[in-house]
Amino acid sequence: MALLIVGGLNWALVGLLSFDLVATLFGTQSTLTRLVYILVGVSALYAIYLVSRWGSRSDG
């Protein structure tokens, strides 16, 4: 959940202010920046998986 929040806030900053906080903190396209982006993407895919499982679960 924390990675989804970080990713969402970062994209909000990019969209609103053209400011990439992750790149500012860790360097533009550094290994650590790329790792953060990858982890945010994987967490989003996992969240999609969880939501789809919750939606298909029957009550009873």
N, C-alpha and C. Protein backbone atom coordinates (compact mmCIF):
# COMPACT_ATOMS: atom_id res chain seq x y z
N MET A 1 0.83 -1.19 0.00
CA MET A 1 0.00 0.00 0.00
C MET A 1 0.87 1.26 0.00
N ALA A 2 1.96 1.21 0.75
CA ALA A 2 2.85 2.38 0.82
C ALA A 2 3.41 2.71 -0.56
N LEU A 3 3.78 1.68 -1.33
CA LEU A 3 4.32 1.93 -2.67
C LEU A 3 3.28 2.53 -3.59
N LEU A 4 2.03 2.10 -3.46
CA LEU A 4 0.96 2.68 -4.28
C LEU A 4 0.76 4.15 -3.93
N ILE A 5 0.86 4.48 -2.66
CA ILE A 5 0.71 5.88 -2.23
C ILE A 5 1.87 6.72 -2.76
N VAL A 6 3.09 6.21 -2.61
CA VAL A 6 4.26 6.93 -3.13
C VAL A 6 4.12 7.16 -4.63
N GLY A 7 3.73 6.11 -5.36
CA GLY A 7 3.58 6.23 -6.81
C GLY A 7 2.49 7.21 -7.19
N GLY A 8 1.36 7.13 -6.49
CA GLY A 8 0.26 8.05 -6.77
C GLY A 8 0.62 9.49 -6.51
N LEU A 9 1.26 9.74 -5.37
CA LEU A 9 1.69 11.11 -5.05
C LEU A 9 2.73 11.61 -6.05
N ASN A 10 3.64 10.75 -6.43
CA ASN A 10 4.67 11.17 -7.39
C ASN A 10 4.03 11.55 -8.72
N TRP A 11 3.07 10.74 -9.21
CA TRP A 11 2.42 11.06 -10.48
C TRP A 11 1.55 12.30 -10.36
N ALA A 12 0.95 12.53 -9.19
CA ALA A 12 0.20 13.76 -8.99
C ALA A 12 1.12 14.97 -9.09
N LEU A 13 2.30 14.87 -8.50
CA LEU A 13 3.27 15.97 -8.58
C LEU A 13 3.75 16.17 -10.02
N VAL A 14 3.97 15.08 -10.74
CA VAL A 14 4.38 15.20 -12.14
C VAL A 14 3.29 15.88 -12.95
N GLY A 15 2.06 15.48 -12.74
CA GLY A 15 0.94 16.05 -13.51
C GLY A 15 0.65 17.50 -13.16
N LEU A 16 0.70 17.82 -11.89
CA LEU A 16 0.34 19.17 -11.46
C LEU A 16 1.48 20.17 -11.58
N LEU A 17 2.68 19.73 -11.24
CA LEU A 17 3.80 20.67 -11.13
C LEU A 17 5.00 20.33 -12.02
N SER A 18 4.89 19.27 -12.81
CA SER A 18 6.02 18.77 -13.60
C SER A 18 7.24 18.54 -12.73
N PHE A 19 7.00 17.96 -11.54
CA PHE A 19 8.06 17.71 -10.57
C PHE A 19 8.07 16.23 -10.22
N ASP A 20 9.16 15.55 -10.53
CA ASP A 20 9.31 14.12 -10.25
C ASP A 20 10.11 13.96 -8.95
N LEU A 21 9.40 13.71 -7.86
CA LEU A 21 10.03 13.62 -6.55
C LEU A 21 11.01 12.46 -6.47
N VAL A 22 10.66 11.31 -7.02
CA VAL A 22 11.54 10.14 -6.97
C VAL A 22 12.85 10.43 -7.69
N ALA A 23 12.78 11.01 -8.87
CA ALA A 23 13.99 11.34 -9.62
C ALA A 23 14.80 12.42 -8.90
N THR A 24 14.12 13.35 -8.24
CA THR A 24 14.82 14.38 -7.50
C THR A 24 15.57 13.78 -6.31
N LEU A 25 14.95 12.84 -5.64
CA LEU A 25 15.59 12.23 -4.47
C LEU A 25 16.73 11.27 -4.83
N PHE A 26 16.54 10.49 -5.89
CA PHE A 26 17.49 9.42 -6.19
C PHE A 26 18.28 9.60 -7.47
N GLY A 27 18.00 10.66 -8.23
CA GLY A 27 18.71 10.90 -9.48
C GLY A 27 17.89 10.45 -10.67
N THR A 28 18.03 11.18 -11.76
CA THR A 28 17.28 10.87 -12.97
C THR A 28 17.77 9.56 -13.57
N GLN A 29 16.87 8.60 -13.64
CA GLN A 29 17.12 7.27 -14.20
C GLN A 29 18.31 6.55 -13.56
N SER A 30 18.54 6.82 -12.28
CA SER A 30 19.55 6.05 -11.56
C SER A 30 18.99 4.65 -11.30
N THR A 31 19.83 3.76 -10.87
CA THR A 31 19.39 2.40 -10.57
C THR A 31 18.34 2.40 -9.47
N LEU A 32 18.53 3.22 -8.45
CA LEU A 32 17.56 3.27 -7.35
C LEU A 32 16.22 3.85 -7.81
N THR A 33 16.27 4.88 -8.65
CA THR A 33 15.03 5.45 -9.19
C THR A 33 14.27 4.41 -10.01
N ARG A 34 14.98 3.71 -10.86
CA ARG A 34 14.34 2.67 -11.67
C ARG A 34 13.76 1.57 -10.80
N LEU A 35 14.47 1.22 -9.71
CA LEU A 35 13.98 0.20 -8.79
C LEU A 35 12.69 0.65 -8.12
N VAL A 36 12.63 1.91 -7.70
CA VAL A 36 11.40 2.43 -7.09
C VAL A 36 10.26 2.36 -8.09
N TYR A 37 10.50 2.78 -9.34
CA TYR A 37 9.45 2.72 -10.36
C TYR A 37 8.98 1.29 -10.59
N ILE A 38 9.91 0.35 -10.63
CA ILE A 38 9.56 -1.06 -10.84
C ILE A 38 8.73 -1.58 -9.67
N LEU A 39 9.13 -1.25 -8.45
CA LEU A 39 8.40 -1.70 -7.27
C LEU A 39 6.99 -1.10 -7.22
N VAL A 40 6.86 0.16 -7.60
CA VAL A 40 5.54 0.78 -7.65
C VAL A 40 4.67 0.06 -8.69
N GLY A 41 5.23 -0.24 -9.84
CA GLY A 41 4.49 -0.94 -10.89
C GLY A 41 4.08 -2.34 -10.46
N VAL A 42 4.96 -3.06 -9.82
CA VAL A 42 4.64 -4.41 -9.34
C VAL A 42 3.57 -4.34 -8.27
N SER A 43 3.65 -3.36 -7.39
CA SER A 43 2.62 -3.23 -6.36
C SER A 43 1.27 -2.89 -6.97
N ALA A 44 1.25 -2.11 -8.04
CA ALA A 44 -0.01 -1.81 -8.73
C ALA A 44 -0.59 -3.06 -9.37
N LEU A 45 0.26 -3.87 -9.98
CA LEU A 45 -0.22 -5.12 -10.57
C LEU A 45 -0.77 -6.05 -9.50
N TYR A 46 -0.11 -6.10 -8.36
CA TYR A 46 -0.60 -6.93 -7.25
C TYR A 46 -1.93 -6.39 -6.73
N ALA A 47 -2.08 -5.09 -6.66
CA ALA A 47 -3.34 -4.49 -6.21
C ALA A 47 -4.47 -4.84 -7.19
N ILE A 48 -4.18 -4.81 -8.48
CA ILE A 48 -5.18 -5.21 -9.48
C ILE A 48 -5.60 -6.66 -9.26
N TYR A 49 -4.62 -7.51 -9.01
CA TYR A 49 -4.90 -8.92 -8.73
C TYR A 49 -5.79 -9.07 -7.49
N LEU A 50 -5.45 -8.37 -6.41
CA LEU A 50 -6.25 -8.45 -5.18
C LEU A 50 -7.66 -7.95 -5.39
N VAL A 51 -7.82 -6.84 -6.07
CA VAL A 51 -9.15 -6.29 -6.30
C VAL A 51 -9.98 -7.24 -7.16
N SER A 52 -9.36 -7.86 -8.15
CA SER A 52 -10.10 -8.80 -8.99
C SER A 52 -10.52 -10.03 -8.19
N ARG A 53 -9.68 -10.45 -7.25
CA ARG A 53 -10.05 -11.59 -6.38
C ARG A 53 -11.19 -11.22 -5.45
N TRP A 54 -11.16 -10.01 -4.91
CA TRP A 54 -12.22 -9.55 -4.00
C TRP A 54 -13.55 -9.45 -4.76
N GLY A 55 -13.47 -8.99 -6.01
CA GLY A 55 -14.68 -8.84 -6.80
C GLY A 55 -15.31 -10.16 -7.20
N SER A 56 -14.48 -11.20 -7.36
CA SER A 56 -15.00 -12.49 -7.81
C SER A 56 -15.37 -13.41 -6.64
N ARG A 57 -15.07 -12.99 -5.43
CA ARG A 57 -15.38 -13.81 -4.26
C ARG A 57 -16.89 -13.78 -3.99
N SER A 58 -17.47 -14.93 -3.82
CA SER A 58 -18.92 -14.98 -3.53
C SER A 58 -19.15 -14.94 -2.03
N ASP A 59 -20.28 -14.38 -1.65
CA ASP A 59 -20.63 -14.28 -0.23
C ASP A 59 -21.44 -15.51 0.16
N GLY A 60 -20.77 -16.52 0.62
CA GLY A 60 -21.53 -17.65 1.12
C GLY A 60 -21.13 -18.88 0.50
